[in-house]
PDB file of N, CA and C in Angstrom:
ATOM      1  N   MET A   1     104.542  88.538  13.921  1.00  0.00           N
ATOM      2  CA  MET A   1     103.320  88.791  13.185  1.00  0.00           C
ATOM      3  C   MET A   1     103.694  89.423  11.848  1.00  0.00           C
ATOM      4  N   THR A   2     103.027  89.001  10.818  1.00  0.00           N
ATOM      5  CA  THR A   2     103.323  89.530   9.490  1.00  0.00           C
ATOM      6  C   THR A   2     102.719  90.922   9.307  1.00  0.00           C
ATOM      7  N   GLU A   3     103.301  91.669   8.387  1.00  0.00           N
ATOM      8  CA  GLU A   3     102.778  93.003   8.073  1.00  0.00           C
ATOM      9  C   GLU A   3     101.358  92.890   7.513  1.00  0.00           C
ATOM     10  N   HIS A   4     101.123  91.841   6.745  1.00  0.00           N
ATOM     11  CA  HIS A   4      99.792  91.625   6.162  1.00  0.00           C
ATOM     12  C   HIS A   4      98.736  91.475   7.266  1.00  0.00           C
ATOM     13  N   LEU A   5      99.042  90.685   8.290  1.00  0.00           N
ATOM     14  CA  LEU A   5      98.098  90.486   9.395  1.00  0.00           C
ATOM     15  C   LEU A   5      97.924  91.774  10.193  1.00  0.00           C
ATOM     16  N   THR A   6      99.012  92.495  10.416  1.00  0.00           N
ATOM     17  CA  THR A   6      98.927  93.778  11.128  1.00  0.00           C
ATOM     18  C   THR A   6      97.995  94.735  10.392  1.00  0.00           C
ATOM     19  N   ILE A   7      98.125  94.808   9.082  1.00  0.00           N
ATOM     20  CA  ILE A   7      97.271  95.697   8.288  1.00  0.00           C
ATOM     21  C   ILE A   7      95.818  95.217   8.315  1.00  0.00           C
ATOM     22  N   ALA A   8      95.614  93.914   8.302  1.00  0.00           N
ATOM     23  CA  ALA A   8      94.248  93.380   8.377  1.00  0.00           C
ATOM     24  C   ALA A   8      93.597  93.766   9.706  1.00  0.00           C
ATOM     25  N   ILE A   9      94.345  93.668  10.791  1.00  0.00           N
ATOM     26  CA  ILE A   9      93.820  94.070  12.110  1.00  0.00           C
ATOM     27  C   ILE A   9      93.540  95.570  12.121  1.00  0.00           C
ATOM     28  N   ALA A  10      94.441  96.350  11.535  1.00  0.00           N
ATOM     29  CA  ALA A  10      94.250  97.802  11.478  1.00  0.00           C
ATOM     30  C   ALA A  10      92.985  98.150  10.709  1.00  0.00           C
ATOM     31  N   ARG A  11      92.738  97.433   9.616  1.00  0.00           N
ATOM     32  CA  ARG A  11      91.530  97.680   8.821  1.00  0.00           C
ATOM     33  C   ARG A  11      90.271  97.435   9.662  1.00  0.00           C
ATOM     34  N   VAL A  12      90.250  96.333  10.380  1.00  0.00           N
ATOM     35  CA  VAL A  12      89.084  96.007  11.212  1.00  0.00           C
ATOM     36  C   VAL A  12      88.888  97.071  12.290  1.00  0.00           C
ATOM     37  N   ALA A  13      89.977  97.441  12.974  1.00  0.00           N
ATOM     38  CA  ALA A  13      89.878  98.444  14.040  1.00  0.00           C
ATOM     39  C   ALA A  13      89.427  99.791  13.476  1.00  0.00           C
ATOM     40  N   HIS A  14      89.967 100.169  12.331  1.00  0.00           N
ATOM     41  CA  HIS A  14      89.586 101.442  11.703  1.00  0.00           C
ATOM     42  C   HIS A  14      88.097 101.448  11.352  1.00  0.00           C
ATOM     43  N   GLU A  15      87.641 100.375  10.723  1.00  0.00           N
ATOM     44  CA  GLU A  15      86.236 100.329  10.298  1.00  0.00           C
ATOM     45  C   GLU A  15      85.288 100.314  11.497  1.00  0.00           C
ATOM     46  N   ALA A  16      85.686  99.639  12.568  1.00  0.00           N
ATOM     47  CA  ALA A  16      84.851  99.650  13.778  1.00  0.00           C
ATOM     48  C   ALA A  16      84.787 101.056  14.359  1.00  0.00           C
ATOM     49  N   ASN A  17      85.932 101.733  14.412  1.00  0.00           N
ATOM     50  CA  ASN A  17      85.940 103.102  14.929  1.00  0.00           C
ATOM     51  C   ASN A  17      85.160 104.040  14.021  1.00  0.00           C
ATOM     52  N   ARG A  18      85.239 103.825  12.713  1.00  0.00           N
ATOM     53  CA  ARG A  18      84.469 104.643  11.780  1.00  0.00           C
ATOM     54  C   ARG A  18      82.970 104.450  12.024  1.00  0.00           C
ATOM     55  N   ALA A  19      82.559 103.196  12.232  1.00  0.00           N
ATOM     56  CA  ALA A  19      81.147 102.917  12.512  1.00  0.00           C
ATOM     57  C   ALA A  19      80.714 103.581  13.816  1.00  0.00           C
ATOM     58  N   TRP A  20      81.571 103.532  14.828  1.00  0.00           N
ATOM     59  CA  TRP A  20      81.270 104.176  16.109  1.00  0.00           C
ATOM     60  C   TRP A  20      81.094 105.681  15.911  1.00  0.00           C
ATOM     61  N   CYS A  21      82.012 106.280  15.160  1.00  0.00           N
ATOM     62  CA  CYS A  21      81.920 107.718  14.893  1.00  0.00           C
ATOM     63  C   CYS A  21      80.601 108.046  14.190  1.00  0.00           C
ATOM     64  N   GLU A  22      80.270 107.281  13.148  1.00  0.00           N
ATOM     65  CA  GLU A  22      79.037 107.538  12.418  1.00  0.00           C
ATOM     66  C   GLU A  22      77.810 107.379  13.302  1.00  0.00           C
ATOM     67  N   ALA A  23      77.829 106.379  14.183  1.00  0.00           N
ATOM     68  CA  ALA A  23      76.707 106.169  15.096  1.00  0.00           C
ATOM     69  C   ALA A  23      76.535 107.342  16.057  1.00  0.00           C
ATOM     70  N   ASN A  24      77.612 108.121  16.218  1.00  0.00           N
ATOM     71  CA  ASN A  24      77.579 109.269  17.121  1.00  0.00           C
ATOM     72  C   ASN A  24      77.613 110.599  16.378  1.00  0.00           C
ATOM     73  N   GLY A  25      77.224 110.562  15.092  1.00  0.00           N
ATOM     74  CA  GLY A  25      77.056 111.788  14.330  1.00  0.00           C
ATOM     75  C   GLY A  25      78.294 112.325  13.640  1.00  0.00           C
ATOM     76  N   ASP A  26      79.405 111.627  13.738  1.00  0.00           N
ATOM     77  CA  ASP A  26      80.652 112.069  13.102  1.00  0.00           C
ATOM     78  C   ASP A  26      80.840 111.300  11.808  1.00  0.00           C
ATOM     79  N   ARG A  27      80.608 111.958  10.709  1.00  0.00           N
ATOM     80  CA  ARG A  27      80.738 111.312   9.404  1.00  0.00           C
ATOM     81  C   ARG A  27      82.036 111.714   8.695  1.00  0.00           C
ATOM     82  N   SER A  28      83.021 112.143   9.469  1.00  0.00           N
ATOM     83  CA  SER A  28      84.267 112.645   8.882  1.00  0.00           C
ATOM     84  C   SER A  28      85.271 111.545   8.539  1.00  0.00           C
ATOM     85  N   GLN A  29      85.023 110.336   8.996  1.00  0.00           N
ATOM     86  CA  GLN A  29      85.983 109.252   8.763  1.00  0.00           C
ATOM     87  C   GLN A  29      85.724 108.579   7.421  1.00  0.00           C
ATOM     88  N   SER A  30      86.761 108.431   6.626  1.00  0.00           N
ATOM     89  CA  SER A  30      86.664 107.682   5.372  1.00  0.00           C
ATOM     90  C   SER A  30      86.840 106.204   5.644  1.00  0.00           C
ATOM     91  N   GLY A  31      86.286 105.382   4.773  1.00  0.00           N
ATOM     92  CA  GLY A  31      86.553 103.959   4.853  1.00  0.00           C
ATOM     93  C   GLY A  31      88.035 103.689   4.649  1.00  0.00           C
ATOM     94  N   TRP A  32      88.495 102.546   5.111  1.00  0.00           N
ATOM     95  CA  TRP A  32      89.919 102.190   5.056  1.00  0.00           C
ATOM     96  C   TRP A  32      90.496 102.404   3.657  1.00  0.00           C
ATOM     97  N   ASP A  33      89.811 101.943   2.640  1.00  0.00           N
ATOM     98  CA  ASP A  33      90.342 102.027   1.282  1.00  0.00           C
ATOM     99  C   ASP A  33      90.440 103.462   0.767  1.00  0.00           C
ATOM    100  N   TYR A  34      89.747 104.380   1.393  1.00  0.00           N
ATOM    101  CA  TYR A  34      89.746 105.773   0.958  1.00  0.00           C
ATOM    102  C   TYR A  34      90.440 106.702   1.957  1.00  0.00           C
ATOM    103  N   ALA A  35      90.861 106.161   3.078  1.00  0.00           N
ATOM    104  CA  ALA A  35      91.515 106.975   4.103  1.00  0.00           C
ATOM    105  C   ALA A  35      92.883 107.431   3.599  1.00  0.00           C
ATOM    106  N   PRO A  36      93.286 108.638   3.976  1.00  0.00           N
ATOM    107  CA  PRO A  36      94.611 109.107   3.559  1.00  0.00           C
ATOM    108  C   PRO A  36      95.714 108.231   4.176  1.00  0.00           C
ATOM    109  N   ASP A  37      96.847 108.210   3.514  1.00  0.00           N
ATOM    110  CA  ASP A  37      97.966 107.383   3.979  1.00  0.00           C
ATOM    111  C   ASP A  37      98.342 107.672   5.433  1.00  0.00           C
ATOM    112  N   TRP A  38      98.352 108.968   5.830  1.00  0.00           N
ATOM    113  CA  TRP A  38      98.750 109.311   7.189  1.00  0.00           C
ATOM    114  C   TRP A  38      97.793 108.699   8.209  1.00  0.00           C
ATOM    115  N   GLN A  39      96.523 108.577   7.844  1.00  0.00           N
ATOM    116  CA  GLN A  39      95.544 108.024   8.771  1.00  0.00           C
ATOM    117  C   GLN A  39      95.709 106.506   8.883  1.00  0.00           C
ATOM    118  N   ARG A  40      95.886 105.834   7.756  1.00  0.00           N
ATOM    119  CA  ARG A  40      96.103 104.386   7.795  1.00  0.00           C
ATOM    120  C   ARG A  40      97.394 104.064   8.543  1.00  0.00           C
ATOM    121  N   GLU A  41      98.436 104.854   8.312  1.00  0.00           N
ATOM    122  CA  GLU A  41      99.704 104.645   9.012  1.00  0.00           C
ATOM    123  C   GLU A  41      99.535 104.799  10.520  1.00  0.00           C
ATOM    124  N   SER A  42      98.747 105.767  10.936  1.00  0.00           N
ATOM    125  CA  SER A  42      98.500 105.983  12.360  1.00  0.00           C
ATOM    126  C   SER A  42      97.796 104.786  12.987  1.00  0.00           C
ATOM    127  N   VAL A  43      96.835 104.214  12.268  1.00  0.00           N
ATOM    128  CA  VAL A  43      96.115 103.038  12.788  1.00  0.00           C
ATOM    129  C   VAL A  43      97.059 101.843  12.867  1.00  0.00           C
ATOM    130  N   VAL A  44      97.853 101.631  11.839  1.00  0.00           N
ATOM    131  CA  VAL A  44      98.825 100.529  11.853  1.00  0.00           C
ATOM    132  C   VAL A  44      99.796 100.710  13.014  1.00  0.00           C
ATOM    133  N   ASN A  45     100.254 101.934  13.245  1.00  0.00           N
ATOM    134  CA  ASN A  45     101.153 102.185  14.376  1.00  0.00           C
ATOM    135  C   ASN A  45     100.474 101.860  15.704  1.00  0.00           C
ATOM    136  N   GLY A  46      99.190 102.167  15.814  1.00  0.00           N
ATOM    137  CA  GLY A  46      98.454 101.842  17.036  1.00  0.00           C
ATOM    138  C   GLY A  46      98.347 100.344  17.241  1.00  0.00           C
ATOM    139  N   VAL A  47      98.110  99.605  16.168  1.00  0.00           N
ATOM    140  CA  VAL A  47      98.060  98.146  16.261  1.00  0.00           C
ATOM    141  C   VAL A  47      99.415  97.607  16.696  1.00  0.00           C
ATOM    142  N   LYS A  48     100.483  98.075  16.070  1.00  0.00           N
ATOM    143  CA  LYS A  48     101.835  97.619  16.423  1.00  0.00           C
ATOM    144  C   LYS A  48     102.152  97.925  17.884  1.00  0.00           C
ATOM    145  N   PHE A  49     101.728  99.106  18.349  1.00  0.00           N
ATOM    146  CA  PHE A  49     101.950  99.477  19.750  1.00  0.00           C
ATOM    147  C   PHE A  49     101.319  98.456  20.681  1.00  0.00           C
ATOM    148  N   HIS A  50     100.086  98.063  20.391  1.00  0.00           N
ATOM    149  CA  HIS A  50      99.404  97.115  21.275  1.00  0.00           C
ATOM    150  C   HIS A  50      99.953  95.702  21.154  1.00  0.00           C
ATOM    151  N   ILE A  51     100.407  95.333  19.980  1.00  0.00           N
ATOM    152  CA  ILE A  51     101.024  94.012  19.823  1.00  0.00           C
ATOM    153  C   ILE A  51     102.310  93.942  20.648  1.00  0.00           C
ATOM    154  N   MET A  52     103.075  95.020  20.630  1.00  0.00           N
ATOM    155  CA  MET A  52     104.350  95.039  21.357  1.00  0.00           C
ATOM    156  C   MET A  52     104.172  95.354  22.840  1.00  0.00           C
ATOM    157  N   ASN A  53     103.016  95.880  23.206  1.00  0.00           N
ATOM    158  CA  ASN A  53     102.735  96.264  24.598  1.00  0.00           C
ATOM    159  C   ASN A  53     101.362  95.733  24.994  1.00  0.00           C
ATOM    160  N   PRO A  54     101.214  94.416  25.099  1.00  0.00           N
ATOM    161  CA  PRO A  54      99.882  93.843  25.328  1.00  0.00           C
ATOM    162  C   PRO A  54      99.221  94.272  26.635  1.00  0.00           C
ATOM    163  N   GLU A  55      99.993  94.778  27.568  1.00  0.00           N
ATOM    164  CA  GLU A  55      99.419  95.235  28.842  1.00  0.00           C
ATOM    165  C   GLU A  55      99.018  96.711  28.808  1.00  0.00           C
ATOM    166  N   ALA A  56      99.325  97.386  27.710  1.00  0.00           N
ATOM    167  CA  ALA A  56      99.013  98.813  27.623  1.00  0.00           C
ATOM    168  C   ALA A  56      97.501  99.016  27.615  1.00  0.00           C
ATOM    169  N   GLY A  57      97.077  99.969  28.367  1.00  0.00           N
ATOM    170  CA  GLY A  57      95.653 100.265  28.449  1.00  0.00           C
ATOM    171  C   GLY A  57      95.226 101.330  27.463  1.00  0.00           C
ATOM    172  N   VAL A  58      94.000 101.732  27.587  1.00  0.00           N
ATOM    173  CA  VAL A  58      93.409 102.693  26.670  1.00  0.00           C
ATOM    174  C   VAL A  58      94.104 104.055  26.772  1.00  0.00           C
ATOM    175  N   SER A  59      94.393 104.492  27.970  1.00  0.00           N
ATOM    176  CA  SER A  59      95.053 105.781  28.149  1.00  0.00           C
ATOM    177  C   SER A  59      96.443 105.771  27.514  1.00  0.00           C
ATOM    178  N   ALA A  60      97.179 104.676  27.675  1.00  0.00           N
ATOM    179  CA  ALA A  60      98.516 104.563  27.068  1.00  0.00           C
ATOM    180  C   ALA A  60      98.411 104.603  25.550  1.00  0.00           C
ATOM    181  N   SER A  61      97.388 103.988  25.017  1.00  0.00           N
ATOM    182  CA  SER A  61      97.160 104.008  23.581  1.00  0.00           C
ATOM    183  C   SER A  61      96.943 105.441  23.100  1.00  0.00           C
ATOM    184  N   HIS A  62      96.123 106.176  23.824  1.00  0.00           N
ATOM    185  CA  HIS A  62      95.864 107.570  23.456  1.00  0.00           C
ATOM    186  C   HIS A  62      97.143 108.393  23.579  1.00  0.00           C
ATOM    187  N   ASP A  63      97.893 108.191  24.663  1.00  0.00           N
ATOM    188  CA  ASP A  63      99.143 108.936  24.854  1.00  0.00           C
ATOM    189  C   ASP A  63     100.104 108.694  23.692  1.00  0.00           C
ATOM    190  N   LYS A  64     100.204 107.442  23.245  1.00  0.00           N
ATOM    191  CA  LYS A  64     101.078 107.092  22.123  1.00  0.00           C
ATOM    192  C   LYS A  64     100.591 107.790  20.850  1.00  0.00           C
ATOM    193  N   TRP A  65      99.291 107.724  20.593  1.00  0.00           N
ATOM    194  CA  TRP A  65      98.717 108.378  19.417  1.00  0.00           C
ATOM    195  C   TRP A  65      98.993 109.882  19.458  1.00  0.00           C
ATOM    196  N   MET A  66      98.756 110.495  20.618  1.00  0.00           N
ATOM    197  CA  MET A  66      98.925 111.938  20.745  1.00  0.00           C
ATOM    198  C   MET A  66     100.388 112.329  20.552  1.00  0.00           C
ATOM    199  N   ALA A  67     101.311 111.573  21.108  1.00  0.00           N
ATOM    200  CA  ALA A  67     102.737 111.865  20.938  1.00  0.00           C
ATOM    201  C   ALA A  67     103.134 111.775  19.466  1.00  0.00           C
ATOM    202  N   GLU A  68     102.580 110.802  18.778  1.00  0.00           N
ATOM    203  CA  GLU A  68     102.846 110.645  17.345  1.00  0.00           C
ATOM    204  C   GLU A  68     102.334 111.863  16.574  1.00  0.00           C
ATOM    205  N   LYS A  69     101.137 112.316  16.894  1.00  0.00           N
ATOM    206  CA  LYS A  69     100.565 113.472  16.207  1.00  0.00           C
ATOM    207  C   LYS A  69     101.389 114.735  16.479  1.00  0.00           C
ATOM    208  N   VAL A  70     101.725 114.966  17.741  1.00  0.00           N
ATOM    209  CA  VAL A  70     102.498 116.160  18.106  1.00  0.00           C
ATOM    210  C   VAL A  70     103.864 116.128  17.415  1.00  0.00           C
ATOM    211  N   ALA A  71     104.505 114.971  17.380  1.00  0.00           N
ATOM    212  CA  ALA A  71     105.802 114.846  16.707  1.00  0.00           C
ATOM    213  C   ALA A  71     105.686 115.144  15.214  1.00  0.00           C
ATOM    214  N   ALA A  72     104.513 114.881  14.644  1.00  0.00           N
ATOM    215  CA  ALA A  72     104.289 115.148  13.225  1.00  0.00           C
ATOM    216  C   ALA A  72     103.840 116.591  12.975  1.00  0.00           C
ATOM    217  N   GLY A  73     103.757 117.394  14.041  1.00  0.00           N
ATOM    218  CA  GLY A  73     103.434 118.808  13.884  1.00  0.00           C
ATOM    219  C   GLY A  73     101.995 119.188  14.139  1.00  0.00           C
ATOM    220  N   TRP A  74     101.145 118.229  14.530  1.00  0.00           N
ATOM    221  CA  TRP A  74      99.745 118.535  14.817  1.00  0.00           C
ATOM    222  C   TRP A  74      99.650 119.294  16.140  1.00  0.00           C
ATOM    223  N   VAL A  75      98.621 120.129  16.258  1.00  0.00           N
ATOM    224  CA  VAL A  75      98.350 120.871  17.486  1.00  0.00           C
ATOM    225  C   VAL A  75      96.874 120.743  17.824  1.00  0.00           C
ATOM    226  N   TYR A  76      96.550 121.081  19.055  1.00  0.00           N
ATOM    227  CA  TYR A  76      95.144 121.081  19.457  1.00  0.00           C
ATOM    228  C   TYR A  76      94.387 122.121  18.649  1.00  0.00           C
ATOM    229  N   GLY A  77      93.181 121.761  18.243  1.00  0.00           N
ATOM    230  CA  GLY A  77      92.278 122.691  17.575  1.00  0.00           C
ATOM    231  C   GLY A  77      90.862 122.201  17.765  1.00  0.00           C
ATOM    232  N   TYR A  78      89.899 123.090  17.701  1.00  0.00           N
ATOM    233  CA  TYR A  78      88.500 122.729  17.933  1.00  0.00           C
ATOM    234  C   TYR A  78      87.971 121.722  16.919  1.00  0.00           C
ATOM    235  N   GLU A  79      88.561 121.718  15.719  1.00  0.00           N
ATOM    236  CA  GLU A  79      88.131 120.786  14.678  1.00  0.00           C
ATOM    237  C   GLU A  79      89.344 120.056  14.115  1.00  0.00           C
ATOM    238  N   LYS A  80      89.109 118.822  13.670  1.00  0.00           N
ATOM    239  CA  LYS A  80      90.163 118.072  12.990  1.00  0.00           C
ATOM    240  C   LYS A  80      90.322 118.671  11.592  1.00  0.00           C
ATOM    241  N   ASP A  81      91.542 119.149  11.317  1.00  0.00           N
ATOM    242  CA  ASP A  81      91.815 119.748  10.017  1.00  0.00           C
ATOM    243  C   ASP A  81      93.236 119.406   9.589  1.00  0.00           C
ATOM    244  N   PRO A  82      93.380 118.296   8.853  1.00  0.00           N
ATOM    245  CA  PRO A  82      94.716 117.885   8.432  1.00  0.00           C
ATOM    246  C   PRO A  82      95.335 118.826   7.399  1.00  0.00           C
ATOM    247  N   GLU A  83      94.532 119.709   6.801  1.00  0.00           N
ATOM    248  CA  GLU A  83      95.032 120.639   5.791  1.00  0.00           C
ATOM    249  C   GLU A  83      95.488 121.968   6.397  1.00  0.00           C
ATOM    250  N   ALA A  84      95.142 122.220   7.657  1.00  0.00           N
ATOM    251  CA  ALA A  84      95.546 123.468   8.306  1.00  0.00           C
ATOM    252  C   ALA A  84      97.065 123.477   8.490  1.00  0.00           C
ATOM    253  N   ILE A  85      97.602 124.661   8.653  1.00  0.00           N
ATOM    254  CA  ILE A  85      99.032 124.792   8.934  1.00  0.00           C
ATOM    255  C   ILE A  85      99.171 125.522  10.251  1.00  0.00           C
ATOM    256  N   PRO A  86      99.526 124.841  11.322  1.00  0.00           N
ATOM    257  CA  PRO A  86      99.741 123.387  11.416  1.00  0.00           C
ATOM    258  C   PRO A  86      98.406 122.645  11.460  1.00  0.00           C
ATOM    259  N   PRO A  87      98.435 121.337  11.166  1.00  0.00           N
ATOM    260  CA  PRO A  87      97.194 120.559  11.246  1.00  0.00           C
ATOM    261  C   PRO A  87      96.671 120.538  12.686  1.00  0.00           C
ATOM    262  N   THR A  88      95.343 120.492  12.813  1.00  0.00           N
ATOM    263  CA  THR A  88      94.727 120.550  14.141  1.00  0.00           C
ATOM    264  C   THR A  88      93.853 119.323  14.402  1.00  0.00           C
ATOM    265  N   HIS A  89      93.713 119.012  15.684  1.00  0.00           N
ATOM    266  CA  HIS A  89      92.871 117.879  16.100  1.00  0.00           C
ATOM    267  C   HIS A  89      92.337 118.155  17.508  1.00  0.00           C
ATOM    268  N   PRO A  90      91.030 117.970  17.725  1.00  0.00           N
ATOM    269  CA  PRO A  90      90.450 118.242  19.044  1.00  0.00           C
ATOM    270  C   PRO A  90      90.799 117.195  20.108  1.00  0.00           C
ATOM    271  N   CYS A  91      91.385 116.081  19.699  1.00  0.00           N
ATOM    272  CA  CYS A  91      91.714 115.025  20.675  1.00  0.00           C
ATOM    273  C   CYS A  91      93.148 115.117  21.187  1.00  0.00           C
ATOM    274  N   ILE A  92      93.841 116.188  20.853  1.00  0.00           N
ATOM    275  CA  ILE A  92      95.198 116.369  21.387  1.00  0.00           C
ATOM    276  C   ILE A  92      95.069 117.012  22.767  1.00  0.00           C
ATOM    277  N   VAL A  93      94.586 116.199  23.675  1.00  0.00           N
ATOM    278  CA  VAL A  93      94.413 116.543  25.090  1.00  0.00           C
ATOM    279  C   VAL A  93      94.667 115.265  25.884  1.00  0.00           C
ATOM    280  N   PRO A  94      94.948 115.375  27.182  1.00  0.00           N
ATOM    281  CA  PRO A  94      95.091 114.164  27.984  1.00  0.00           C
ATOM    282  C   PRO A  94      93.828 113.297  27.901  1.00  0.00           C
ATOM    283  N   PHE A  95      94.010 111.988  28.027  1.00  0.00           N
ATOM    284  CA  PHE A  95      92.916 111.045  27.886  1.00  0.00           C
ATOM    285  C   PHE A  95      91.714 111.399  28.745  1.00  0.00           C
ATOM    286  N   ASP A  96      91.968 111.781  30.004  1.00  0.00           N
ATOM    287  CA  ASP A  96      90.847 112.062  30.907  1.00  0.00           C
ATOM    288  C   ASP A  96      90.091 113.337  30.541  1.00  0.00           C
ATOM    289  N   GLN A  97      90.612 114.122  29.600  1.00  0.00           N
ATOM    290  CA  GLN A  97      89.918 115.323  29.139  1.00  0.00           C
ATOM    291  C   GLN A  97      89.166 115.094  27.825  1.00  0.00           C
ATOM    292  N   LEU A  98      89.301 113.898  27.266  1.00  0.00           N
ATOM    293  CA  LEU A  98      88.555 113.573  26.045  1.00  0.00           C
ATOM    294  C   LEU A  98      87.066 113.448  26.350  1.00  0.00           C
ATOM    295  N   PRO A  99      86.224 113.796  25.402  1.00  0.00           N
ATOM    296  CA  PRO A  99      84.795 113.501  25.579  1.00  0.00           C
ATOM    297  C   PRO A  99      84.619 111.983  25.726  1.00  0.00           C
ATOM    298  N   LYS A 100      83.603 111.584  26.451  1.00  0.00           N
ATOM    299  CA  LYS A 100      83.358 110.159  26.705  1.00  0.00           C
ATOM    300  C   LYS A 100      83.279 109.353  25.408  1.00  0.00           C
ATOM    301  N   VAL A 101      82.666 109.904  24.381  1.00  0.00           N
ATOM    302  CA  VAL A 101      82.535 109.183  23.116  1.00  0.00           C
ATOM    303  C   VAL A 101      83.914 108.879  22.515  1.00  0.00           C
ATOM    304  N   GLN A 102      84.879 109.781  22.699  1.00  0.00           N
ATOM    305  CA  GLN A 102      86.236 109.543  22.207  1.00  0.00           C
ATOM    306  C   GLN A 102      86.974 108.520  23.076  1.00  0.00           C
ATOM    307  N   GLN A 103      86.729 108.554  24.377  1.00  0.00           N
ATOM    308  CA  GLN A 103      87.334 107.550  25.254  1.00  0.00           C
ATOM    309  C   GLN A 103      86.838 106.154  24.874  1.00  0.00           C
ATOM    310  N   ILE A 104      85.550 106.059  24.579  1.00  0.00           N
ATOM    311  CA  ILE A 104      84.975 104.771  24.179  1.00  0.00           C
ATOM    312  C   ILE A 104      85.553 104.337  22.837  1.00  0.00           C
ATOM    313  N   LYS A 105      85.725 105.266  21.911  1.00  0.00           N
ATOM    314  CA  LYS A 105      86.323 104.942  20.615  1.00  0.00           C
ATOM    315  C   LYS A 105      87.708 104.339  20.813  1.00  0.00           C
ATOM    316  N   ASP A 106      88.503 104.922  21.701  1.00  0.00           N
ATOM    317  CA  ASP A 106      89.835 104.379  21.995  1.00  0.00           C
ATOM    318  C   ASP A 106      89.733 102.994  22.626  1.00  0.00           C
ATOM    319  N   ALA A 107      88.752 102.795  23.492  1.00  0.00           N
ATOM    320  CA  ALA A 107      88.562 101.483  24.133  1.00  0.00           C
ATOM    321  C   ALA A 107      88.156 100.430  23.108  1.00  0.00           C
ATOM    322  N   ILE A 108      87.328 100.813  22.158  1.00  0.00           N
ATOM    323  CA  ILE A 108      86.927  99.886  21.090  1.00  0.00           C
ATOM    324  C   ILE A 108      88.160  99.456  20.302  1.00  0.00           C
ATOM    325  N   PHE A 109      88.989 100.411  19.941  1.00  0.00           N
ATOM    326  CA  PHE A 109      90.210 100.114  19.198  1.00  0.00           C
ATOM    327  C   PHE A 109      91.066  99.103  19.963  1.00  0.00           C
ATOM    328  N   CYS A 110      91.322  99.395  21.215  1.00  0.00           N
ATOM    329  CA  CYS A 110      92.165  98.496  22.027  1.00  0.00           C
ATOM    330  C   CYS A 110      91.548  97.102  22.134  1.00  0.00           C
ATOM    331  N   ALA A 111      90.260  97.043  22.381  1.00  0.00           N
ATOM    332  CA  ALA A 111      89.576  95.751  22.547  1.00  0.00           C
ATOM    333  C   ALA A 111      89.677  94.930  21.265  1.00  0.00           C
ATOM    334  N   ILE A 112      89.495  95.557  20.139  1.00  0.00           N
ATOM    335  CA  ILE A 112      89.577  94.817  18.866  1.00  0.00           C
ATOM    336  C   ILE A 112      90.979  94.298  18.645  1.00  0.00           C
ATOM    337  N   VAL A 113      91.978  95.148  18.819  1.00  0.00           N
ATOM    338  CA  VAL A 113      93.357  94.706  18.598  1.00  0.00           C
ATOM    339  C   VAL A 113      93.684  93.510  19.494  1.00  0.00           C
ATOM    340  N   HIS A 114      93.339  93.605  20.761  1.00  0.00           N
ATOM    341  CA  HIS A 114      93.660  92.512  21.680  1.00  0.00           C
ATOM    342  C   HIS A 114      92.823  91.260  21.401  1.00  0.00           C
ATOM    343  N   ALA A 115      91.611  91.439  20.934  1.00  0.00           N
ATOM    344  CA  ALA A 115      90.743  90.284  20.666  1.00  0.00           C
ATOM    345  C   ALA A 115      91.183  89.498  19.446  1.00  0.00           C
ATOM    346  N   VAL A 116      91.736  90.158  18.453  1.00  0.00           N
ATOM    347  CA  VAL A 116      92.075  89.453  17.214  1.00  0.00           C
ATOM    348  C   VAL A 116      93.569  89.199  17.038  1.00  0.00           C
ATOM    349  N   THR A 117      94.379  89.651  17.970  1.00  0.00           N
ATOM    350  CA  THR A 117      95.815  89.391  17.874  1.00  0.00           C
ATOM    351  C   THR A 117      96.096  87.978  18.367  1.00  0.00           C
ATOM    352  N   PRO A 118      96.737  87.190  17.477  1.00  0.00           N
ATOM    353  CA  PRO A 118      97.014  85.788  17.884  1.00  0.00           C
ATOM    354  C   PRO A 118      98.004  85.711  19.035  1.00  0.00           C
TER     355      PRO A 118
END
């Protein structure tokens, strides 16, 4: 798969997740073109993970995302704050401890990647 196609899939998945967040009162997500590089890179990494691991489920996707964040120095915090030292995120918890809306957001991401991956 080309990098161009991977990025196109990441854009679609990001925008769908952004719409889901907004529908649930979370207006903190920027559109793809305005998202910080670290956020776009994280989405692209998630797409690549699913392309290379087509049998991976939603929980595995979250585990991969969380491991990536922790390796980058992020820690659990009540609010997402990429500017904090260290940066914090409320989703740095096991998948089964995520709020249902976040579990669904992860499922949407996985479904889109698998649906549009050739």
